[in-house]
Amino acid sequence: MQVQQTAKFKKAYKKLHVNQRQELNKALEIIIKDPTIGEQKKGDLSWLRVHKCNIINQLTLIGYQVDDQQLILVFVAFGPHENFYRDLK
C-alpha cells in the first residue's frame, strides 16, 4: 500500500516536538497496518476516516483517506478535536 501525505499534514507535522513526532509515528504505523481501524465519517466527510489516539496526554484525531482500488492511504490532517471537522470541510 502506498502512503501519502497532504501539504496540510506535512506542515503540521514539521511543527511538532520530537517526543510528539514519536508518538504520532506510532499511531501512524498502527493505521498503516490496519487502515480500517478508524471510524468512517458520514455526510459531508464520508470520504474520511478518523482514528483517535493520545499524544502526550492529549486526545488527537488523525484524519485519513483510503482508496482500496489503487491501494493508496492518504493522511489528510491531525490535531485536537476543536475545529478539526470544521477545518476539513
PDB file of N, CA and C in Angstrom:
ATOM      1  N   MET A   1       0.837  -1.179   0.000  1.00  0.00           N
ATOM      2  CA  MET A   1       0.000   0.000   0.000  1.00  0.00           C
ATOM      3  C   MET A   1       0.885   1.247   0.000  1.00  0.00           C
ATOM      4  N   GLN A   2       0.558   2.165  -0.869  1.00  0.00           N
ATOM      5  CA  GLN A   2       1.308   3.413  -0.989  1.00  0.00           C
ATOM      6  C   GLN A   2       0.766   4.423   0.026  1.00  0.00           C
ATOM      7  N   VAL A   3       1.657   5.089   0.743  1.00  0.00           N
ATOM      8  CA  VAL A   3       1.273   6.056   1.770  1.00  0.00           C
ATOM      9  C   VAL A   3       1.671   7.456   1.309  1.00  0.00           C
ATOM     10  N   GLN A   4       0.704   8.388   1.399  1.00  0.00           N
ATOM     11  CA  GLN A   4       0.948   9.766   1.002  1.00  0.00           C
ATOM     12  C   GLN A   4       0.477  10.703   2.105  1.00  0.00           C
ATOM     13  N   GLN A   5       0.911  11.968   2.018  1.00  0.00           N
ATOM     14  CA  GLN A   5       0.512  12.995   2.975  1.00  0.00           C
ATOM     15  C   GLN A   5       0.088  14.239   2.208  1.00  0.00           C
ATOM     16  N   THR A   6      -0.886  14.943   2.746  1.00  0.00           N
ATOM     17  CA  THR A   6      -1.262  16.220   2.149  1.00  0.00           C
ATOM     18  C   THR A   6      -0.290  17.292   2.645  1.00  0.00           C
ATOM     19  N   ALA A   7      -0.304  18.428   1.988  1.00  0.00           N
ATOM     20  CA  ALA A   7       0.571  19.530   2.390  1.00  0.00           C
ATOM     21  C   ALA A   7       0.213  20.024   3.795  1.00  0.00           C
ATOM     22  N   LYS A   8      -1.075  20.015   4.120  1.00  0.00           N
ATOM     23  CA  LYS A   8      -1.523  20.444   5.447  1.00  0.00           C
ATOM     24  C   LYS A   8      -0.959  19.518   6.528  1.00  0.00           C
ATOM     25  N   PHE A   9      -0.955  18.235   6.254  1.00  0.00           N
ATOM     26  CA  PHE A   9      -0.428  17.256   7.207  1.00  0.00           C
ATOM     27  C   PHE A   9       1.078  17.450   7.400  1.00  0.00           C
ATOM     28  N   LYS A  10       1.801  17.621   6.316  1.00  0.00           N
ATOM     29  CA  LYS A  10       3.257  17.811   6.385  1.00  0.00           C
ATOM     30  C   LYS A  10       3.620  19.062   7.174  1.00  0.00           C
ATOM     31  N   LYS A  11       2.878  20.135   6.924  1.00  0.00           N
ATOM     32  CA  LYS A  11       3.167  21.404   7.592  1.00  0.00           C
ATOM     33  C   LYS A  11       2.948  21.292   9.091  1.00  0.00           C
ATOM     34  N   ALA A  12       1.862  20.640   9.504  1.00  0.00           N
ATOM     35  CA  ALA A  12       1.582  20.463  10.928  1.00  0.00           C
ATOM     36  C   ALA A  12       2.595  19.510  11.566  1.00  0.00           C
ATOM     37  N   TYR A  13       3.026  18.490  10.821  1.00  0.00           N
ATOM     38  CA  TYR A  13       3.992  17.513  11.333  1.00  0.00           C
ATOM     39  C   TYR A  13       5.336  18.178  11.641  1.00  0.00           C
ATOM     40  N   LYS A  14       5.755  19.105  10.788  1.00  0.00           N
ATOM     41  CA  LYS A  14       7.034  19.795  10.984  1.00  0.00           C
ATOM     42  C   LYS A  14       7.062  20.628  12.258  1.00  0.00           C
ATOM     43  N   LYS A  15       5.902  21.095  12.709  1.00  0.00           N
ATOM     44  CA  LYS A  15       5.829  21.958  13.883  1.00  0.00           C
ATOM     45  C   LYS A  15       5.867  21.188  15.207  1.00  0.00           C
ATOM     46  N   LEU A  16       5.789  19.869  15.151  1.00  0.00           N
ATOM     47  CA  LEU A  16       5.768  19.069  16.377  1.00  0.00           C
ATOM     48  C   LEU A  16       7.150  18.957  17.010  1.00  0.00           C
ATOM     49  N   HIS A  17       7.162  18.755  18.323  1.00  0.00           N
ATOM     50  CA  HIS A  17       8.400  18.455  19.027  1.00  0.00           C
ATOM     51  C   HIS A  17       8.774  16.996  18.780  1.00  0.00           C
ATOM     52  N   VAL A  18       9.993  16.634  19.071  1.00  0.00           N
ATOM     53  CA  VAL A  18      10.496  15.289  18.792  1.00  0.00           C
ATOM     54  C   VAL A  18       9.664  14.223  19.496  1.00  0.00           C
ATOM     55  N   ASN A  19       9.334  14.440  20.779  1.00  0.00           N
ATOM     56  CA  ASN A  19       8.577  13.430  21.500  1.00  0.00           C
ATOM     57  C   ASN A  19       7.150  13.300  20.949  1.00  0.00           C
ATOM     58  N   GLN A  20       6.573  14.387  20.460  1.00  0.00           N
ATOM     59  CA  GLN A  20       5.245  14.328  19.849  1.00  0.00           C
ATOM     60  C   GLN A  20       5.298  13.579  18.521  1.00  0.00           C
ATOM     61  N   ARG A  21       6.367  13.795  17.764  1.00  0.00           N
ATOM     62  CA  ARG A  21       6.529  13.084  16.489  1.00  0.00           C
ATOM     63  C   ARG A  21       6.634  11.581  16.706  1.00  0.00           C
ATOM     64  N   GLN A  22       7.357  11.182  17.751  1.00  0.00           N
ATOM     65  CA  GLN A  22       7.499   9.756  18.041  1.00  0.00           C
ATOM     66  C   GLN A  22       6.152   9.124  18.350  1.00  0.00           C
ATOM     67  N   GLU A  23       5.341   9.791  19.161  1.00  0.00           N
ATOM     68  CA  GLU A  23       4.010   9.277  19.497  1.00  0.00           C
ATOM     69  C   GLU A  23       3.111   9.229  18.261  1.00  0.00           C
ATOM     70  N   LEU A  24       3.175  10.266  17.432  1.00  0.00           N
ATOM     71  CA  LEU A  24       2.363  10.297  16.219  1.00  0.00           C
ATOM     72  C   LEU A  24       2.802   9.201  15.253  1.00  0.00           C
ATOM     73  N   ASN A  25       4.105   8.980  15.134  1.00  0.00           N
ATOM     74  CA  ASN A  25       4.604   7.926  14.252  1.00  0.00           C
ATOM     75  C   ASN A  25       4.089   6.556  14.668  1.00  0.00           C
ATOM     76  N   LYS A  26       3.996   6.312  15.983  1.00  0.00           N
ATOM     77  CA  LYS A  26       3.451   5.033  16.473  1.00  0.00           C
ATOM     78  C   LYS A  26       1.997   4.874  16.027  1.00  0.00           C
ATOM     79  N   ALA A  27       1.219   5.953  16.151  1.00  0.00           N
ATOM     80  CA  ALA A  27      -0.183   5.906  15.745  1.00  0.00           C
ATOM     81  C   ALA A  27      -0.313   5.709  14.234  1.00  0.00           C
ATOM     82  N   LEU A  28       0.559   6.357  13.464  1.00  0.00           N
ATOM     83  CA  LEU A  28       0.522   6.216  12.014  1.00  0.00           C
ATOM     84  C   LEU A  28       0.858   4.789  11.594  1.00  0.00           C
ATOM     85  N   GLU A  29       1.799   4.161  12.285  1.00  0.00           N
ATOM     86  CA  GLU A  29       2.160   2.769  11.982  1.00  0.00           C
ATOM     87  C   GLU A  29       0.971   1.847  12.211  1.00  0.00           C
ATOM     88  N   ILE A  30       0.209   2.105  13.273  1.00  0.00           N
ATOM     89  CA  ILE A  30      -0.979   1.291  13.550  1.00  0.00           C
ATOM     90  C   ILE A  30      -1.991   1.444  12.418  1.00  0.00           C
ATOM     91  N   ILE A  31      -2.172   2.666  11.937  1.00  0.00           N
ATOM     92  CA  ILE A  31      -3.114   2.908  10.840  1.00  0.00           C
ATOM     93  C   ILE A  31      -2.639   2.235   9.557  1.00  0.00           C
ATOM     94  N   ILE A  32      -1.353   2.301   9.281  1.00  0.00           N
ATOM     95  CA  ILE A  32      -0.814   1.691   8.063  1.00  0.00           C
ATOM     96  C   ILE A  32      -1.015   0.179   8.092  1.00  0.00           C
ATOM     97  N   LYS A  33      -0.830  -0.433   9.262  1.00  0.00           N
ATOM     98  CA  LYS A  33      -1.019  -1.887   9.377  1.00  0.00           C
ATOM     99  C   LYS A  33      -2.475  -2.284   9.175  1.00  0.00           C
ATOM    100  N   ASP A  34      -3.416  -1.471   9.683  1.00  0.00           N
ATOM    101  CA  ASP A  34      -4.842  -1.772   9.576  1.00  0.00           C
ATOM    102  C   ASP A  34      -5.626  -0.489   9.289  1.00  0.00           C
ATOM    103  N   PRO A  35      -5.787  -0.119   8.008  1.00  0.00           N
ATOM    104  CA  PRO A  35      -6.464   1.131   7.667  1.00  0.00           C
ATOM    105  C   PRO A  35      -7.940   1.181   8.076  1.00  0.00           C
ATOM    106  N   THR A  36      -8.538   0.052   8.390  1.00  0.00           N
ATOM    107  CA  THR A  36      -9.947   0.045   8.770  1.00  0.00           C
ATOM    108  C   THR A  36     -10.154   0.358  10.249  1.00  0.00           C
ATOM    109  N   ILE A  37      -9.076   0.640  10.974  1.00  0.00           N
ATOM    110  CA  ILE A  37      -9.167   0.897  12.413  1.00  0.00           C
ATOM    111  C   ILE A  37      -9.915   2.187  12.719  1.00  0.00           C
ATOM    112  N   GLY A  38      -9.854   3.148  11.844  1.00  0.00           N
ATOM    113  CA  GLY A  38     -10.510   4.434  12.077  1.00  0.00           C
ATOM    114  C   GLY A  38     -12.002   4.386  11.808  1.00  0.00           C
ATOM    115  N   GLU A  39     -12.700   5.346  12.363  1.00  0.00           N
ATOM    116  CA  GLU A  39     -14.152   5.424  12.205  1.00  0.00           C
ATOM    117  C   GLU A  39     -14.492   6.145  10.902  1.00  0.00           C
ATOM    118  N   GLN A  40     -15.341   5.520  10.082  1.00  0.00           N
ATOM    119  CA  GLN A  40     -15.785   6.126   8.829  1.00  0.00           C
ATOM    120  C   GLN A  40     -16.798   7.218   9.142  1.00  0.00           C
ATOM    121  N   LYS A  41     -16.572   8.415   8.638  1.00  0.00           N
ATOM    122  CA  LYS A  41     -17.465   9.542   8.895  1.00  0.00           C
ATOM    123  C   LYS A  41     -18.654   9.508   7.931  1.00  0.00           C
ATOM    124  N   LYS A  42     -19.665  10.304   8.233  1.00  0.00           N
ATOM    125  CA  LYS A  42     -20.877  10.337   7.424  1.00  0.00           C
ATOM    126  C   LYS A  42     -21.117  11.760   6.926  1.00  0.00           C
ATOM    127  N   GLY A  43     -21.986  11.890   5.954  1.00  0.00           N
ATOM    128  CA  GLY A  43     -22.360  13.201   5.435  1.00  0.00           C
ATOM    129  C   GLY A  43     -21.293  13.823   4.559  1.00  0.00           C
ATOM    130  N   ASP A  44     -20.980  15.097   4.827  1.00  0.00           N
ATOM    131  CA  ASP A  44     -20.002  15.830   4.017  1.00  0.00           C
ATOM    132  C   ASP A  44     -18.617  15.194   4.045  1.00  0.00           C
ATOM    133  N   LEU A  45     -18.299  14.549   5.140  1.00  0.00           N
ATOM    134  CA  LEU A  45     -16.969  13.953   5.305  1.00  0.00           C
ATOM    135  C   LEU A  45     -16.998  12.429   5.136  1.00  0.00           C
ATOM    136  N   SER A  46     -17.864  11.929   4.286  1.00  0.00           N
ATOM    137  CA  SER A  46     -17.997  10.480   4.118  1.00  0.00           C
ATOM    138  C   SER A  46     -16.748   9.843   3.505  1.00  0.00           C
ATOM    139  N   TRP A  47     -15.893  10.631   2.930  1.00  0.00           N
ATOM    140  CA  TRP A  47     -14.655  10.134   2.336  1.00  0.00           C
ATOM    141  C   TRP A  47     -13.552   9.953   3.386  1.00  0.00           C
ATOM    142  N   LEU A  48     -13.811  10.404   4.608  1.00  0.00           N
ATOM    143  CA  LEU A  48     -12.783  10.484   5.640  1.00  0.00           C
ATOM    144  C   LEU A  48     -12.935   9.392   6.693  1.00  0.00           C
ATOM    145  N   ARG A  49     -11.810   8.888   7.161  1.00  0.00           N
ATOM    146  CA  ARG A  49     -11.755   8.011   8.324  1.00  0.00           C
ATOM    147  C   ARG A  49     -10.959   8.752   9.392  1.00  0.00           C
ATOM    148  N   VAL A  50     -11.347   8.567  10.663  1.00  0.00           N
ATOM    149  CA  VAL A  50     -10.664   9.255  11.759  1.00  0.00           C
ATOM    150  C   VAL A  50     -10.284   8.246  12.832  1.00  0.00           C
ATOM    151  N   HIS A  51      -9.018   8.295  13.224  1.00  0.00           N
ATOM    152  CA  HIS A  51      -8.502   7.462  14.309  1.00  0.00           C
ATOM    153  C   HIS A  51      -8.156   8.381  15.477  1.00  0.00           C
ATOM    154  N   LYS A  52      -8.618   8.007  16.673  1.00  0.00           N
ATOM    155  CA  LYS A  52      -8.350   8.806  17.864  1.00  0.00           C
ATOM    156  C   LYS A  52      -7.218   8.165  18.647  1.00  0.00           C
ATOM    157  N   CYS A  53      -6.275   8.987  19.092  1.00  0.00           N
ATOM    158  CA  CYS A  53      -5.150   8.478  19.884  1.00  0.00           C
ATOM    159  C   CYS A  53      -4.707   9.569  20.855  1.00  0.00           C
ATOM    160  N   ASN A  54      -3.937   9.179  21.835  1.00  0.00           N
ATOM    161  CA  ASN A  54      -3.391  10.133  22.799  1.00  0.00           C
ATOM    162  C   ASN A  54      -1.934  10.417  22.467  1.00  0.00           C
ATOM    163  N   ILE A  55      -1.619  11.674  22.303  1.00  0.00           N
ATOM    164  CA  ILE A  55      -0.238  12.096  22.072  1.00  0.00           C
ATOM    165  C   ILE A  55       0.123  13.040  23.203  1.00  0.00           C
ATOM    166  N   ILE A  56       1.022  12.597  24.052  1.00  0.00           N
ATOM    167  CA  ILE A  56       1.448  13.347  25.232  1.00  0.00           C
ATOM    168  C   ILE A  56       0.213  13.805  26.036  1.00  0.00           C
ATOM    169  N   ASN A  57      -0.619  12.839  26.399  1.00  0.00           N
ATOM    170  CA  ASN A  57      -1.804  13.043  27.233  1.00  0.00           C
ATOM    171  C   ASN A  57      -2.826  14.021  26.653  1.00  0.00           C
ATOM    172  N   GLN A  58      -2.876  14.138  25.348  1.00  0.00           N
ATOM    173  CA  GLN A  58      -3.871  14.982  24.691  1.00  0.00           C
ATOM    174  C   GLN A  58      -4.538  14.168  23.588  1.00  0.00           C
ATOM    175  N   LEU A  59      -5.874  14.139  23.589  1.00  0.00           N
ATOM    176  CA  LEU A  59      -6.603  13.417  22.555  1.00  0.00           C
ATOM    177  C   LEU A  59      -6.339  14.081  21.204  1.00  0.00           C
ATOM    178  N   THR A  60      -5.878  13.283  20.262  1.00  0.00           N
ATOM    179  CA  THR A  60      -5.547  13.781  18.933  1.00  0.00           C
ATOM    180  C   THR A  60      -6.294  12.957  17.896  1.00  0.00           C
ATOM    181  N   LEU A  61      -6.864  13.629  16.921  1.00  0.00           N
ATOM    182  CA  LEU A  61      -7.569  12.956  15.837  1.00  0.00           C
ATOM    183  C   LEU A  61      -6.669  12.938  14.606  1.00  0.00           C
ATOM    184  N   ILE A  62      -6.615  11.789  13.957  1.00  0.00           N
ATOM    185  CA  ILE A  62      -5.843  11.649  12.721  1.00  0.00           C
ATOM    186  C   ILE A  62      -6.842  11.332  11.614  1.00  0.00           C
ATOM    187  N   GLY A  63      -6.954  12.231  10.651  1.00  0.00           N
ATOM    188  CA  GLY A  63      -7.866  12.042   9.530  1.00  0.00           C
ATOM    189  C   GLY A  63      -7.116  11.503   8.326  1.00  0.00           C
ATOM    190  N   TYR A  64      -7.688  10.471   7.706  1.00  0.00           N
ATOM    191  CA  TYR A  64      -7.039   9.872   6.535  1.00  0.00           C
ATOM    192  C   TYR A  64      -8.082   9.321   5.579  1.00  0.00           C
ATOM    193  N   GLN A  65      -7.634   9.084   4.366  1.00  0.00           N
ATOM    194  CA  GLN A  65      -8.499   8.586   3.305  1.00  0.00           C
ATOM    195  C   GLN A  65      -7.863   7.333   2.718  1.00  0.00           C
ATOM    196  N   VAL A  66      -8.683   6.323   2.467  1.00  0.00           N
ATOM    197  CA  VAL A  66      -8.185   5.063   1.910  1.00  0.00           C
ATOM    198  C   VAL A  66      -8.832   4.835   0.555  1.00  0.00           C
ATOM    199  N   ASP A  67      -8.015   4.556  -0.449  1.00  0.00           N
ATOM    200  CA  ASP A  67      -8.504   4.189  -1.776  1.00  0.00           C
ATOM    201  C   ASP A  67      -8.135   2.728  -2.003  1.00  0.00           C
ATOM    202  N   ASP A  68      -9.104   1.836  -1.813  1.00  0.00           N
ATOM    203  CA  ASP A  68      -8.838   0.399  -1.908  1.00  0.00           C
ATOM    204  C   ASP A  68      -8.513  -0.052  -3.322  1.00  0.00           C
ATOM    205  N   GLN A  69      -9.071   0.609  -4.319  1.00  0.00           N
ATOM    206  CA  GLN A  69      -8.838   0.197  -5.695  1.00  0.00           C
ATOM    207  C   GLN A  69      -7.401   0.450  -6.125  1.00  0.00           C
ATOM    208  N   GLN A  70      -6.855   1.591  -5.758  1.00  0.00           N
ATOM    209  CA  GLN A  70      -5.489   1.931  -6.152  1.00  0.00           C
ATOM    210  C   GLN A  70      -4.484   1.655  -5.037  1.00  0.00           C
ATOM    211  N   LEU A  71      -4.956   1.156  -3.890  1.00  0.00           N
ATOM    212  CA  LEU A  71      -4.106   0.849  -2.737  1.00  0.00           C
ATOM    213  C   LEU A  71      -3.301   2.069  -2.289  1.00  0.00           C
ATOM    214  N   ILE A  72      -4.002   3.158  -2.033  1.00  0.00           N
ATOM    215  CA  ILE A  72      -3.367   4.391  -1.577  1.00  0.00           C
ATOM    216  C   ILE A  72      -3.968   4.797  -0.244  1.00  0.00           C
ATOM    217  N   LEU A  73      -3.113   5.155   0.695  1.00  0.00           N
ATOM    218  CA  LEU A  73      -3.514   5.669   2.004  1.00  0.00           C
ATOM    219  C   LEU A  73      -2.993   7.100   2.100  1.00  0.00           C
ATOM    220  N   VAL A  74      -3.910   8.058   2.258  1.00  0.00           N
ATOM    221  CA  VAL A  74      -3.530   9.467   2.289  1.00  0.00           C
ATOM    222  C   VAL A  74      -3.851  10.038   3.663  1.00  0.00           C
ATOM    223  N   PHE A  75      -2.827  10.503   4.373  1.00  0.00           N
ATOM    224  CA  PHE A  75      -3.026  11.172   5.648  1.00  0.00           C
ATOM    225  C   PHE A  75      -3.372  12.623   5.349  1.00  0.00           C
ATOM    226  N   VAL A  76      -4.555  13.043   5.791  1.00  0.00           N
ATOM    227  CA  VAL A  76      -5.080  14.361   5.440  1.00  0.00           C
ATOM    228  C   VAL A  76      -4.719  15.396   6.490  1.00  0.00           C
ATOM    229  N   ALA A  77      -5.003  15.106   7.768  1.00  0.00           N
ATOM    230  CA  ALA A  77      -4.766  16.089   8.829  1.00  0.00           C
ATOM    231  C   ALA A  77      -4.742  15.399  10.180  1.00  0.00           C
ATOM    232  N   PHE A  78      -4.218  16.103  11.172  1.00  0.00           N
ATOM    233  CA  PHE A  78      -4.287  15.642  12.552  1.00  0.00           C
ATOM    234  C   PHE A  78      -4.343  16.856  13.454  1.00  0.00           C
ATOM    235  N   GLY A  79      -4.850  16.641  14.651  1.00  0.00           N
ATOM    236  CA  GLY A  79      -4.933  17.742  15.598  1.00  0.00           C
ATOM    237  C   GLY A  79      -5.946  17.450  16.679  1.00  0.00           C
ATOM    238  N   PRO A  80      -6.136  18.396  17.587  1.00  0.00           N
ATOM    239  CA  PRO A  80      -7.131  18.221  18.649  1.00  0.00           C
ATOM    240  C   PRO A  80      -8.539  18.286  18.065  1.00  0.00           C
ATOM    241  N   HIS A  81      -9.505  17.848  18.834  1.00  0.00           N
ATOM    242  CA  HIS A  81     -10.885  17.778  18.367  1.00  0.00           C
ATOM    243  C   HIS A  81     -11.457  19.157  18.013  1.00  0.00           C
ATOM    244  N   GLU A  82     -10.978  20.179  18.705  1.00  0.00           N
ATOM    245  CA  GLU A  82     -11.501  21.528  18.499  1.00  0.00           C
ATOM    246  C   GLU A  82     -11.301  21.981  17.055  1.00  0.00           C
ATOM    247  N   ASN A  83     -12.403  22.257  16.355  1.00  0.00           N
ATOM    248  CA  ASN A  83     -12.421  22.742  14.972  1.00  0.00           C
ATOM    249  C   ASN A  83     -11.832  21.756  13.962  1.00  0.00           C
ATOM    250  N   PHE A  84     -11.594  20.527  14.334  1.00  0.00           N
ATOM    251  CA  PHE A  84     -10.968  19.555  13.432  1.00  0.00           C
ATOM    252  C   PHE A  84     -11.860  19.316  12.200  1.00  0.00           C
ATOM    253  N   TYR A  85     -13.113  18.999  12.437  1.00  0.00           N
ATOM    254  CA  TYR A  85     -14.022  18.686  11.329  1.00  0.00           C
ATOM    255  C   TYR A  85     -14.381  19.934  10.525  1.00  0.00           C
ATOM    256  N   ARG A  86     -14.527  21.061  11.207  1.00  0.00           N
ATOM    257  CA  ARG A  86     -14.855  22.308  10.510  1.00  0.00           C
ATOM    258  C   ARG A  86     -13.753  22.669   9.522  1.00  0.00           C
ATOM    259  N   ASP A  87     -12.508  22.496   9.938  1.00  0.00           N
ATOM    260  CA  ASP A  87     -11.388  22.856   9.055  1.00  0.00           C
ATOM    261  C   ASP A  87     -11.272  21.924   7.849  1.00  0.00           C
ATOM    262  N   LEU A  88     -11.763  20.707   7.973  1.00  0.00           N
ATOM    263  CA  LEU A  88     -11.683  19.763   6.849  1.00  0.00           C
ATOM    264  C   LEU A  88     -12.773  19.967   5.808  1.00  0.00           C
ATOM    265  N   LYS A  89     -13.866  20.609   6.186  1.00  0.00           N
ATOM    266  CA  LYS A  89     -14.970  20.803   5.228  1.00  0.00           C
ATOM    267  C   LYS A  89     -14.627  21.803   4.165  1.00  0.00           C
TER     268      LYS A  89
END
